[in-house]
All heavy atoms as atom14 arrays in JSON, in Angstrom:
{
  "sequence": "GRRAFARGRLGGTMAEEAKRLAACAAVDKHVQNNQVLGIGSGSTIVHA",
  "atom14_mask": [
    [1, 1, 1, 1, 0, 0, 0, 0, 0, 0, 0, 0, 0, 0],
    [1, 1, 1, 1, 1, 1, 1, 1, 1, 1, 1, 0, 0, 0],
    [1, 1, 1, 1, 1, 1, 1, 1, 1, 1, 1, 0, 0, 0],
    [1, 1, 1, 1, 1, 0, 0, 0, 0, 0, 0, 0, 0, 0],
    [1, 1, 1, 1, 1, 1, 1, 1, 1, 1, 1, 0, 0, 0],
    [1, 1, 1, 1, 1, 0, 0, 0, 0, 0, 0, 0, 0, 0],
    [1, 1, 1, 1, 1, 1, 1, 1, 1, 1, 1, 0, 0, 0],
    [1, 1, 1, 1, 0, 0, 0, 0, 0, 0, 0, 0, 0, 0],
    [1, 1, 1, 1, 1, 1, 1, 1, 1, 1, 1, 0, 0, 0],
    [1, 1, 1, 1, 1, 1, 1, 1, 0, 0, 0, 0, 0, 0],
    [1, 1, 1, 1, 0, 0, 0, 0, 0, 0, 0, 0, 0, 0],
    [1, 1, 1, 1, 0, 0, 0, 0, 0, 0, 0, 0, 0, 0],
    [1, 1, 1, 1, 1, 1, 1, 0, 0, 0, 0, 0, 0, 0],
    [1, 1, 1, 1, 1, 1, 1, 1, 0, 0, 0, 0, 0, 0],
    [1, 1, 1, 1, 1, 0, 0, 0, 0, 0, 0, 0, 0, 0],
    [1, 1, 1, 1, 1, 1, 1, 1, 1, 0, 0, 0, 0, 0],
    [1, 1, 1, 1, 1, 1, 1, 1, 1, 0, 0, 0, 0, 0],
    [1, 1, 1, 1, 1, 0, 0, 0, 0, 0, 0, 0, 0, 0],
    [1, 1, 1, 1, 1, 1, 1, 1, 1, 0, 0, 0, 0, 0],
    [1, 1, 1, 1, 1, 1, 1, 1, 1, 1, 1, 0, 0, 0],
    [1, 1, 1, 1, 1, 1, 1, 1, 0, 0, 0, 0, 0, 0],
    [1, 1, 1, 1, 1, 0, 0, 0, 0, 0, 0, 0, 0, 0],
    [1, 1, 1, 1, 1, 0, 0, 0, 0, 0, 0, 0, 0, 0],
    [1, 1, 1, 1, 1, 1, 0, 0, 0, 0, 0, 0, 0, 0],
    [1, 1, 1, 1, 1, 0, 0, 0, 0, 0, 0, 0, 0, 0],
    [1, 1, 1, 1, 1, 0, 0, 0, 0, 0, 0, 0, 0, 0],
    [1, 1, 1, 1, 1, 1, 1, 0, 0, 0, 0, 0, 0, 0],
    [1, 1, 1, 1, 1, 1, 1, 1, 0, 0, 0, 0, 0, 0],
    [1, 1, 1, 1, 1, 1, 1, 1, 1, 0, 0, 0, 0, 0],
    [1, 1, 1, 1, 1, 1, 1, 1, 1, 1, 0, 0, 0, 0],
    [1, 1, 1, 1, 1, 1, 1, 0, 0, 0, 0, 0, 0, 0],
    [1, 1, 1, 1, 1, 1, 1, 1, 1, 0, 0, 0, 0, 0],
    [1, 1, 1, 1, 1, 1, 1, 1, 0, 0, 0, 0, 0, 0],
    [1, 1, 1, 1, 1, 1, 1, 1, 0, 0, 0, 0, 0, 0],
    [1, 1, 1, 1, 1, 1, 1, 1, 1, 0, 0, 0, 0, 0],
    [1, 1, 1, 1, 1, 1, 1, 0, 0, 0, 0, 0, 0, 0],
    [1, 1, 1, 1, 1, 1, 1, 1, 0, 0, 0, 0, 0, 0],
    [1, 1, 1, 1, 0, 0, 0, 0, 0, 0, 0, 0, 0, 0],
    [1, 1, 1, 1, 1, 1, 1, 1, 0, 0, 0, 0, 0, 0],
    [1, 1, 1, 1, 0, 0, 0, 0, 0, 0, 0, 0, 0, 0],
    [1, 1, 1, 1, 1, 1, 0, 0, 0, 0, 0, 0, 0, 0],
    [1, 1, 1, 1, 0, 0, 0, 0, 0, 0, 0, 0, 0, 0],
    [1, 1, 1, 1, 1, 1, 0, 0, 0, 0, 0, 0, 0, 0],
    [1, 1, 1, 1, 1, 1, 1, 0, 0, 0, 0, 0, 0, 0],
    [1, 1, 1, 1, 1, 1, 1, 1, 0, 0, 0, 0, 0, 0],
    [1, 1, 1, 1, 1, 1, 1, 0, 0, 0, 0, 0, 0, 0],
    [1, 1, 1, 1, 1, 1, 1, 1, 1, 1, 0, 0, 0, 0],
    [1, 1, 1, 1, 1, 0, 0, 0, 0, 0, 0, 0, 0, 0]
  ],
  "atom14_positions": [
    [[-208.0, 54.52, -61.22], [-207.6, 55.99, -61.35], [-207.86, 56.44, -62.78], [-208.36, 57.52, -62.99], [0.0, 0.0, 0.0], [0.0, 0.0, 0.0], [0.0, 0.0, 0.0], [0.0, 0.0, 0.0], [0.0, 0.0, 0.0], [0.0, 0.0, 0.0], [0.0, 0.0, 0.0], [0.0, 0.0, 0.0], [0.0, 0.0, 0.0], [0.0, 0.0, 0.0]],
    [[-207.49, 55.64, -63.79], [-207.68, 56.06, -65.16], [-209.18, 56.1, -65.49], [-209.6, 56.98, -66.23], [-207.0, 55.09, -66.08], [-205.47, 55.29, -66.09], [-204.8, 54.53, -67.2], [-204.88, 53.1, -67.06], [-203.99, 52.34, -66.36], [-202.9, 52.94, -65.87], [-204.1, 51.09, -66.27], [0.0, 0.0, 0.0], [0.0, 0.0, 0.0], [0.0, 0.0, 0.0]],
    [[-209.96, 55.13, -64.95], [-211.38, 55.19, -65.19], [-212.04, 56.39, -64.6], [-212.85, 57.04, -65.22], [-212.04, 53.87, -64.63], [-211.75, 52.63, -65.45], [-212.64, 51.49, -65.03], [-212.5, 51.08, -63.66], [-211.65, 50.19, -63.27], [-210.83, 49.57, -64.16], [-211.55, 49.85, -61.95], [0.0, 0.0, 0.0], [0.0, 0.0, 0.0], [0.0, 0.0, 0.0]],
    [[-211.64, 56.73, -63.34], [-212.12, 57.92, -62.71], [-211.73, 59.14, -63.45], [-212.52, 60.09, -63.61], [-211.65, 57.98, -61.26], [0.0, 0.0, 0.0], [0.0, 0.0, 0.0], [0.0, 0.0, 0.0], [0.0, 0.0, 0.0], [0.0, 0.0, 0.0], [0.0, 0.0, 0.0], [0.0, 0.0, 0.0], [0.0, 0.0, 0.0], [0.0, 0.0, 0.0]],
    [[-210.51, 59.16, -63.95], [-210.03, 60.29, -64.75], [-210.83, 60.49, -65.98], [-211.23, 61.61, -66.38], [-208.57, 60.06, -65.05], [-207.91, 61.31, -65.68], [-207.63, 62.43, -64.88], [-207.55, 61.35, -66.99], [-207.05, 63.54, -65.38], [-206.91, 62.46, -67.51], [-206.69, 63.59, -66.74], [0.0, 0.0, 0.0], [0.0, 0.0, 0.0], [0.0, 0.0, 0.0]],
    [[-211.09, 59.33, -66.63], [-211.89, 59.43, -67.87], [-213.28, 59.96, -67.59], [-213.79, 60.8, -68.33], [-212.05, 58.03, -68.54], [0.0, 0.0, 0.0], [0.0, 0.0, 0.0], [0.0, 0.0, 0.0], [0.0, 0.0, 0.0], [0.0, 0.0, 0.0], [0.0, 0.0, 0.0], [0.0, 0.0, 0.0], [0.0, 0.0, 0.0], [0.0, 0.0, 0.0]],
    [[-213.92, 59.51, -66.49], [-215.19, 60.02, -66.16], [-215.15, 61.53, -65.87], [-216.05, 62.28, -66.18], [-215.77, 59.33, -64.89], [-216.17, 57.87, -65.17], [-216.96, 57.3, -64.02], [-216.24, 57.29, -62.76], [-215.47, 56.28, -62.34], [-215.35, 55.2, -63.12], [-214.86, 56.33, -61.19], [0.0, 0.0, 0.0], [0.0, 0.0, 0.0], [0.0, 0.0, 0.0]],
    [[-214.07, 61.93, -65.16], [-213.86, 63.38, -64.83], [-213.76, 64.21, -66.08], [-214.27, 65.28, -66.13], [0.0, 0.0, 0.0], [0.0, 0.0, 0.0], [0.0, 0.0, 0.0], [0.0, 0.0, 0.0], [0.0, 0.0, 0.0], [0.0, 0.0, 0.0], [0.0, 0.0, 0.0], [0.0, 0.0, 0.0], [0.0, 0.0, 0.0], [0.0, 0.0, 0.0]],
    [[-213.06, 63.67, -67.13], [-212.9, 64.45, -68.36], [-214.24, 64.65, -69.03], [-214.41, 65.66, -69.7], [-211.94, 63.73, -69.25], [-210.51, 63.74, -68.78], [-209.54, 63.1, -69.74], [-209.49, 63.88, -70.98], [-208.76, 63.51, -72.03], [-208.06, 62.39, -72.0], [-208.75, 64.27, -73.13], [0.0, 0.0, 0.0], [0.0, 0.0, 0.0], [0.0, 0.0, 0.0]],
    [[-215.16, 63.69, -68.85], [-216.47, 63.87, -69.45], [-217.3, 64.84, -68.65], [-218.08, 65.66, -69.21], [-217.2, 62.52, -69.5], [-216.58, 61.47, -70.44], [-217.31, 60.15, -70.27], [-216.61, 61.94, -71.89], [0.0, 0.0, 0.0], [0.0, 0.0, 0.0], [0.0, 0.0, 0.0], [0.0, 0.0, 0.0], [0.0, 0.0, 0.0], [0.0, 0.0, 0.0]],
    [[-217.14, 64.87, -67.34], [-218.0, 65.7, -66.46], [-217.38, 67.04, -66.13], [-218.05, 67.89, -65.57], [0.0, 0.0, 0.0], [0.0, 0.0, 0.0], [0.0, 0.0, 0.0], [0.0, 0.0, 0.0], [0.0, 0.0, 0.0], [0.0, 0.0, 0.0], [0.0, 0.0, 0.0], [0.0, 0.0, 0.0], [0.0, 0.0, 0.0], [0.0, 0.0, 0.0]],
    [[-216.1, 67.22, -66.39], [-215.43, 68.48, -66.04], [-214.14, 68.58, -66.82], [-213.92, 67.83, -67.75], [0.0, 0.0, 0.0], [0.0, 0.0, 0.0], [0.0, 0.0, 0.0], [0.0, 0.0, 0.0], [0.0, 0.0, 0.0], [0.0, 0.0, 0.0], [0.0, 0.0, 0.0], [0.0, 0.0, 0.0], [0.0, 0.0, 0.0], [0.0, 0.0, 0.0]],
    [[-213.28, 69.53, -66.43], [-212.03, 69.69, -67.15], [-210.99, 68.71, -66.73], [-211.05, 68.19, -65.64], [-211.51, 71.14, -66.97], [-211.13, 71.27, -65.55], [-212.55, 72.15, -67.32], [0.0, 0.0, 0.0], [0.0, 0.0, 0.0], [0.0, 0.0, 0.0], [0.0, 0.0, 0.0], [0.0, 0.0, 0.0], [0.0, 0.0, 0.0], [0.0, 0.0, 0.0]],
    [[-210.03, 68.47, -67.56], [-208.92, 67.58, -67.28], [-208.15, 68.04, -66.04], [-207.79, 67.26, -65.14], [-207.97, 67.46, -68.44], [-206.83, 66.55, -68.28], [-205.6, 66.55, -69.63], [-206.64, 65.92, -70.96], [0.0, 0.0, 0.0], [0.0, 0.0, 0.0], [0.0, 0.0, 0.0], [0.0, 0.0, 0.0], [0.0, 0.0, 0.0], [0.0, 0.0, 0.0]],
    [[-207.9, 69.38, -66.02], [-207.13, 69.95, -64.88], [-207.9, 69.76, -63.57], [-207.31, 69.49, -62.51], [-206.88, 71.41, -65.1], [0.0, 0.0, 0.0], [0.0, 0.0, 0.0], [0.0, 0.0, 0.0], [0.0, 0.0, 0.0], [0.0, 0.0, 0.0], [0.0, 0.0, 0.0], [0.0, 0.0, 0.0], [0.0, 0.0, 0.0], [0.0, 0.0, 0.0]],
    [[-209.22, 69.98, -63.59], [-210.07, 69.83, -62.39], [-209.99, 68.4, -61.84], [-209.89, 68.18, -60.65], [-211.49, 70.27, -62.66], [-212.23, 70.71, -61.4], [-211.57, 71.95, -60.71], [-211.03, 72.77, -61.39], [-211.69, 72.02, -59.46], [0.0, 0.0, 0.0], [0.0, 0.0, 0.0], [0.0, 0.0, 0.0], [0.0, 0.0, 0.0], [0.0, 0.0, 0.0]],
    [[-210.08, 67.42, -62.75], [-209.99, 66.0, -62.31], [-208.6, 65.7, -61.81], [-208.48, 64.93, -60.82], [-210.4, 65.09, -63.49], [-210.33, 63.63, -63.09], [-211.26, 63.21, -62.02], [-212.15, 63.97, -61.64], [-211.12, 62.06, -61.49], [0.0, 0.0, 0.0], [0.0, 0.0, 0.0], [0.0, 0.0, 0.0], [0.0, 0.0, 0.0], [0.0, 0.0, 0.0]],
    [[-207.57, 66.31, -62.41], [-206.21, 66.09, -61.88], [-206.06, 66.62, -60.47], [-205.41, 66.08, -59.61], [-205.23, 66.79, -62.85], [0.0, 0.0, 0.0], [0.0, 0.0, 0.0], [0.0, 0.0, 0.0], [0.0, 0.0, 0.0], [0.0, 0.0, 0.0], [0.0, 0.0, 0.0], [0.0, 0.0, 0.0], [0.0, 0.0, 0.0], [0.0, 0.0, 0.0]],
    [[-206.72, 67.78, -60.22], [-206.68, 68.34, -58.87], [-207.29, 67.37, -57.83], [-206.8, 67.15, -56.76], [-207.39, 69.7, -58.79], [-206.77, 70.83, -59.6], [-207.7, 72.03, -59.58], [-207.15, 73.17, -60.42], [-208.04, 74.35, -60.38], [0.0, 0.0, 0.0], [0.0, 0.0, 0.0], [0.0, 0.0, 0.0], [0.0, 0.0, 0.0], [0.0, 0.0, 0.0]],
    [[-208.42, 66.8, -58.28], [-209.15, 65.86, -57.38], [-208.28, 64.67, -57.06], [-208.26, 64.2, -55.89], [-210.5, 65.48, -58.05], [-211.39, 64.72, -57.08], [-212.57, 64.09, -57.81], [-212.17, 63.06, -58.75], [-211.85, 61.82, -58.34], [-211.98, 61.46, -57.03], [-211.46, 60.89, -59.21], [0.0, 0.0, 0.0], [0.0, 0.0, 0.0], [0.0, 0.0, 0.0]],
    [[-207.64, 64.11, -58.07], [-206.78, 62.96, -57.84], [-205.66, 63.25, -56.9], [-205.4, 62.47, -55.98], [-206.26, 62.44, -59.22], [-207.25, 61.86, -60.17], [-206.6, 61.59, -61.54], [-207.87, 60.53, -59.61], [0.0, 0.0, 0.0], [0.0, 0.0, 0.0], [0.0, 0.0, 0.0], [0.0, 0.0, 0.0], [0.0, 0.0, 0.0], [0.0, 0.0, 0.0]],
    [[-205.0, 64.35, -57.07], [-203.92, 64.76, -56.18], [-204.43, 64.98, -54.73], [-203.79, 64.52, -53.79], [-203.27, 66.0, -56.65], [0.0, 0.0, 0.0], [0.0, 0.0, 0.0], [0.0, 0.0, 0.0], [0.0, 0.0, 0.0], [0.0, 0.0, 0.0], [0.0, 0.0, 0.0], [0.0, 0.0, 0.0], [0.0, 0.0, 0.0], [0.0, 0.0, 0.0]],
    [[-205.55, 65.66, -54.62], [-206.09, 65.94, -53.29], [-206.47, 64.63, -52.56], [-206.11, 64.44, -51.42], [-207.32, 66.81, -53.45], [0.0, 0.0, 0.0], [0.0, 0.0, 0.0], [0.0, 0.0, 0.0], [0.0, 0.0, 0.0], [0.0, 0.0, 0.0], [0.0, 0.0, 0.0], [0.0, 0.0, 0.0], [0.0, 0.0, 0.0], [0.0, 0.0, 0.0]],
    [[-207.16, 63.74, -53.3], [-207.55, 62.43, -52.66], [-206.34, 61.63, -52.24], [-206.35, 61.03, -51.14], [-208.48, 61.71, -53.57], [-210.1, 62.42, -53.81], [0.0, 0.0, 0.0], [0.0, 0.0, 0.0], [0.0, 0.0, 0.0], [0.0, 0.0, 0.0], [0.0, 0.0, 0.0], [0.0, 0.0, 0.0], [0.0, 0.0, 0.0], [0.0, 0.0, 0.0]],
    [[-205.32, 61.59, -53.07], [-204.14, 60.85, -52.77], [-203.47, 61.37, -51.51], [-203.08, 60.58, -50.65], [-203.15, 60.88, -53.96], [0.0, 0.0, 0.0], [0.0, 0.0, 0.0], [0.0, 0.0, 0.0], [0.0, 0.0, 0.0], [0.0, 0.0, 0.0], [0.0, 0.0, 0.0], [0.0, 0.0, 0.0], [0.0, 0.0, 0.0], [0.0, 0.0, 0.0]],
    [[-203.36, 62.63, -51.39], [-202.69, 63.23, -50.21], [-203.5, 63.02, -48.95], [-202.95, 62.61, -47.87], [-202.49, 64.71, -50.45], [0.0, 0.0, 0.0], [0.0, 0.0, 0.0], [0.0, 0.0, 0.0], [0.0, 0.0, 0.0], [0.0, 0.0, 0.0], [0.0, 0.0, 0.0], [0.0, 0.0, 0.0], [0.0, 0.0, 0.0], [0.0, 0.0, 0.0]],
    [[-204.81, 63.25, -49.02], [-205.65, 63.0, -47.85], [-205.68, 61.56, -47.39], [-205.57, 61.23, -46.18], [-207.11, 63.51, -48.1], [-208.05, 63.06, -47.01], [-207.16, 65.0, -48.28], [0.0, 0.0, 0.0], [0.0, 0.0, 0.0], [0.0, 0.0, 0.0], [0.0, 0.0, 0.0], [0.0, 0.0, 0.0], [0.0, 0.0, 0.0], [0.0, 0.0, 0.0]],
    [[-205.73, 60.61, -48.35], [-205.7, 59.22, -47.99], [-204.38, 58.76, -47.42], [-204.35, 57.89, -46.51], [-206.06, 58.37, -49.24], [-207.51, 58.45, -49.61], [-208.3, 59.04, -48.87], [-207.89, 57.98, -50.66], [0.0, 0.0, 0.0], [0.0, 0.0, 0.0], [0.0, 0.0, 0.0], [0.0, 0.0, 0.0], [0.0, 0.0, 0.0], [0.0, 0.0, 0.0]],
    [[-203.34, 59.36, -47.89], [-202.01, 58.92, -47.4], [-201.61, 59.49, -46.1], [-200.96, 58.87, -45.25], [-200.94, 59.34, -48.42], [-199.49, 59.02, -48.14], [-199.24, 57.55, -48.09], [-197.72, 57.31, -47.86], [-197.46, 55.86, -47.72], [0.0, 0.0, 0.0], [0.0, 0.0, 0.0], [0.0, 0.0, 0.0], [0.0, 0.0, 0.0], [0.0, 0.0, 0.0]],
    [[-201.97, 60.77, -45.83], [-201.38, 61.5, -44.66], [-202.34, 61.8, -43.54], [-201.86, 62.17, -42.42], [-200.77, 62.85, -45.15], [-199.65, 62.68, -46.12], [-198.35, 62.4, -45.7], [-199.6, 62.68, -47.46], [-197.55, 62.26, -46.77], [-198.27, 62.46, -47.84], [0.0, 0.0, 0.0], [0.0, 0.0, 0.0], [0.0, 0.0, 0.0], [0.0, 0.0, 0.0]],
    [[-203.61, 61.67, -43.75], [-204.59, 62.01, -42.67], [-204.88, 60.77, -41.85], [-205.18, 59.72, -42.39], [-205.86, 62.62, -43.26], [-206.91, 62.8, -42.15], [-205.58, 63.96, -43.94], [0.0, 0.0, 0.0], [0.0, 0.0, 0.0], [0.0, 0.0, 0.0], [0.0, 0.0, 0.0], [0.0, 0.0, 0.0], [0.0, 0.0, 0.0], [0.0, 0.0, 0.0]],
    [[-204.69, 60.89, -40.51], [-205.01, 59.83, -39.61], [-205.92, 60.34, -38.47], [-206.14, 61.57, -38.33], [-203.73, 59.29, -38.99], [-202.72, 58.77, -40.0], [-201.43, 58.33, -39.39], [-201.33, 58.22, -38.15], [-200.4, 58.09, -40.24], [0.0, 0.0, 0.0], [0.0, 0.0, 0.0], [0.0, 0.0, 0.0], [0.0, 0.0, 0.0], [0.0, 0.0, 0.0]],
    [[-206.45, 59.45, -37.71], [-207.38, 59.77, -36.58], [-206.6, 60.65, -35.57], [-205.42, 60.5, -35.33], [-207.89, 58.54, -35.94], [-209.06, 58.79, -35.07], [-209.81, 59.73, -35.23], [-209.21, 57.94, -34.03], [0.0, 0.0, 0.0], [0.0, 0.0, 0.0], [0.0, 0.0, 0.0], [0.0, 0.0, 0.0], [0.0, 0.0, 0.0], [0.0, 0.0, 0.0]],
    [[-207.39, 61.56, -34.93], [-206.92, 62.39, -33.83], [-205.82, 63.38, -34.26], [-204.88, 63.64, -33.51], [-206.38, 61.52, -32.65], [-207.48, 60.69, -32.07], [-208.61, 61.19, -31.81], [-207.21, 59.43, -31.81], [0.0, 0.0, 0.0], [0.0, 0.0, 0.0], [0.0, 0.0, 0.0], [0.0, 0.0, 0.0], [0.0, 0.0, 0.0], [0.0, 0.0, 0.0]],
    [[-205.96, 63.88, -35.5], [-204.99, 64.87, -35.95], [-205.56, 66.27, -35.98], [-206.78, 66.46, -36.04], [-204.5, 64.52, -37.39], [-203.49, 63.41, -37.45], [-203.0, 63.18, -38.84], [-203.7, 63.4, -39.83], [-201.78, 62.73, -38.96], [0.0, 0.0, 0.0], [0.0, 0.0, 0.0], [0.0, 0.0, 0.0], [0.0, 0.0, 0.0], [0.0, 0.0, 0.0]],
    [[-204.67, 67.24, -35.9], [-205.02, 68.6, -36.15], [-204.47, 68.97, -37.52], [-203.24, 68.88, -37.76], [-204.46, 69.56, -35.07], [-204.87, 71.02, -35.37], [-204.89, 69.16, -33.64], [0.0, 0.0, 0.0], [0.0, 0.0, 0.0], [0.0, 0.0, 0.0], [0.0, 0.0, 0.0], [0.0, 0.0, 0.0], [0.0, 0.0, 0.0], [0.0, 0.0, 0.0]],
    [[-205.34, 69.41, -38.45], [-204.91, 69.67, -39.78], [-205.02, 71.16, -40.13], [-205.96, 71.85, -39.76], [-205.84, 68.93, -40.75], [-205.94, 67.37, -40.62], [-206.9, 66.84, -41.69], [-204.57, 66.76, -40.73], [0.0, 0.0, 0.0], [0.0, 0.0, 0.0], [0.0, 0.0, 0.0], [0.0, 0.0, 0.0], [0.0, 0.0, 0.0], [0.0, 0.0, 0.0]],
    [[-204.05, 71.63, -40.86], [-204.06, 72.97, -41.47], [-204.76, 72.85, -42.82], [-204.34, 72.0, -43.66], [0.0, 0.0, 0.0], [0.0, 0.0, 0.0], [0.0, 0.0, 0.0], [0.0, 0.0, 0.0], [0.0, 0.0, 0.0], [0.0, 0.0, 0.0], [0.0, 0.0, 0.0], [0.0, 0.0, 0.0], [0.0, 0.0, 0.0], [0.0, 0.0, 0.0]],
    [[-205.75, 73.65, -43.13], [-206.55, 73.56, -44.37], [-206.19, 74.77, -45.22], [-206.47, 75.89, -44.83], [-208.05, 73.47, -44.11], [-208.37, 72.23, -43.22], [-208.8, 73.43, -45.43], [-208.0, 70.88, -43.84], [0.0, 0.0, 0.0], [0.0, 0.0, 0.0], [0.0, 0.0, 0.0], [0.0, 0.0, 0.0], [0.0, 0.0, 0.0], [0.0, 0.0, 0.0]],
    [[-205.6, 74.52, -46.38], [-205.19, 75.64, -47.22], [-206.34, 76.26, -47.97], [-207.55, 76.03, -47.67], [0.0, 0.0, 0.0], [0.0, 0.0, 0.0], [0.0, 0.0, 0.0], [0.0, 0.0, 0.0], [0.0, 0.0, 0.0], [0.0, 0.0, 0.0], [0.0, 0.0, 0.0], [0.0, 0.0, 0.0], [0.0, 0.0, 0.0], [0.0, 0.0, 0.0]],
    [[-205.99, 77.05, -48.97], [-206.99, 77.82, -49.71], [-206.83, 77.57, -51.24], [-205.8, 77.07, -51.68], [-206.79, 79.32, -49.45], [-206.85, 79.58, -48.08], [0.0, 0.0, 0.0], [0.0, 0.0, 0.0], [0.0, 0.0, 0.0], [0.0, 0.0, 0.0], [0.0, 0.0, 0.0], [0.0, 0.0, 0.0], [0.0, 0.0, 0.0], [0.0, 0.0, 0.0]],
    [[-207.87, 77.89, -52.01], [-207.78, 77.77, -53.42], [-208.66, 76.6, -53.97], [-209.37, 75.9, -53.21], [0.0, 0.0, 0.0], [0.0, 0.0, 0.0], [0.0, 0.0, 0.0], [0.0, 0.0, 0.0], [0.0, 0.0, 0.0], [0.0, 0.0, 0.0], [0.0, 0.0, 0.0], [0.0, 0.0, 0.0], [0.0, 0.0, 0.0], [0.0, 0.0, 0.0]],
    [[-208.62, 76.43, -55.27], [-209.52, 75.5, -55.97], [-209.17, 74.04, -55.63], [-210.06, 73.2, -55.54], [-209.5, 75.74, -57.47], [-208.18, 75.61, -58.0], [0.0, 0.0, 0.0], [0.0, 0.0, 0.0], [0.0, 0.0, 0.0], [0.0, 0.0, 0.0], [0.0, 0.0, 0.0], [0.0, 0.0, 0.0], [0.0, 0.0, 0.0], [0.0, 0.0, 0.0]],
    [[-207.9, 73.73, -55.53], [-207.52, 72.3, -55.29], [-207.88, 71.89, -53.91], [-208.27, 70.68, -53.7], [-206.04, 72.13, -55.49], [-205.63, 72.66, -56.77], [-205.63, 70.64, -55.48], [0.0, 0.0, 0.0], [0.0, 0.0, 0.0], [0.0, 0.0, 0.0], [0.0, 0.0, 0.0], [0.0, 0.0, 0.0], [0.0, 0.0, 0.0], [0.0, 0.0, 0.0]],
    [[-207.84, 72.76, -52.91], [-208.14, 72.41, -51.52], [-209.57, 72.0, -51.4], [-209.98, 71.27, -50.47], [-207.75, 73.49, -50.57], [-207.41, 72.92, -49.2], [-208.8, 74.56, -50.48], [-206.21, 72.05, -49.14], [0.0, 0.0, 0.0], [0.0, 0.0, 0.0], [0.0, 0.0, 0.0], [0.0, 0.0, 0.0], [0.0, 0.0, 0.0], [0.0, 0.0, 0.0]],
    [[-210.49, 72.49, -52.28], [-211.9, 72.11, -52.21], [-212.04, 70.6, -52.3], [-212.76, 70.0, -51.53], [-212.69, 72.8, -53.34], [-214.12, 72.28, -53.38], [-212.65, 74.32, -53.16], [0.0, 0.0, 0.0], [0.0, 0.0, 0.0], [0.0, 0.0, 0.0], [0.0, 0.0, 0.0], [0.0, 0.0, 0.0], [0.0, 0.0, 0.0], [0.0, 0.0, 0.0]],
    [[-211.31, 70.0, -53.21], [-211.33, 68.56, -53.35], [-210.8, 67.82, -52.14], [-211.3, 66.77, -51.68], [-210.57, 68.1, -54.58], [-211.08, 68.71, -55.88], [-212.28, 68.28, -56.44], [-210.63, 69.7, -56.66], [-212.49, 68.95, -57.56], [-211.54, 69.8, -57.73], [0.0, 0.0, 0.0], [0.0, 0.0, 0.0], [0.0, 0.0, 0.0], [0.0, 0.0, 0.0]],
    [[-209.77, 68.39, -51.49], [-209.15, 67.78, -50.32], [-210.17, 67.76, -49.14], [-210.32, 66.82, -48.4], [-207.89, 68.48, -49.96], [0.0, 0.0, 0.0], [0.0, 0.0, 0.0], [0.0, 0.0, 0.0], [0.0, 0.0, 0.0], [0.0, 0.0, 0.0], [0.0, 0.0, 0.0], [0.0, 0.0, 0.0], [0.0, 0.0, 0.0], [0.0, 0.0, 0.0]]
  ]
}
């Protein structure tokens, strides 16, 4: 995670990489097969 974060800081803003980390963590933890998902709006949801 820290390595990915470091790469993100080089390629984008710290906040944008933080959004990506949060989004990936949530999707990996809570999304399972055969689900119906509500998809939110905004810049963080793009990463999700």
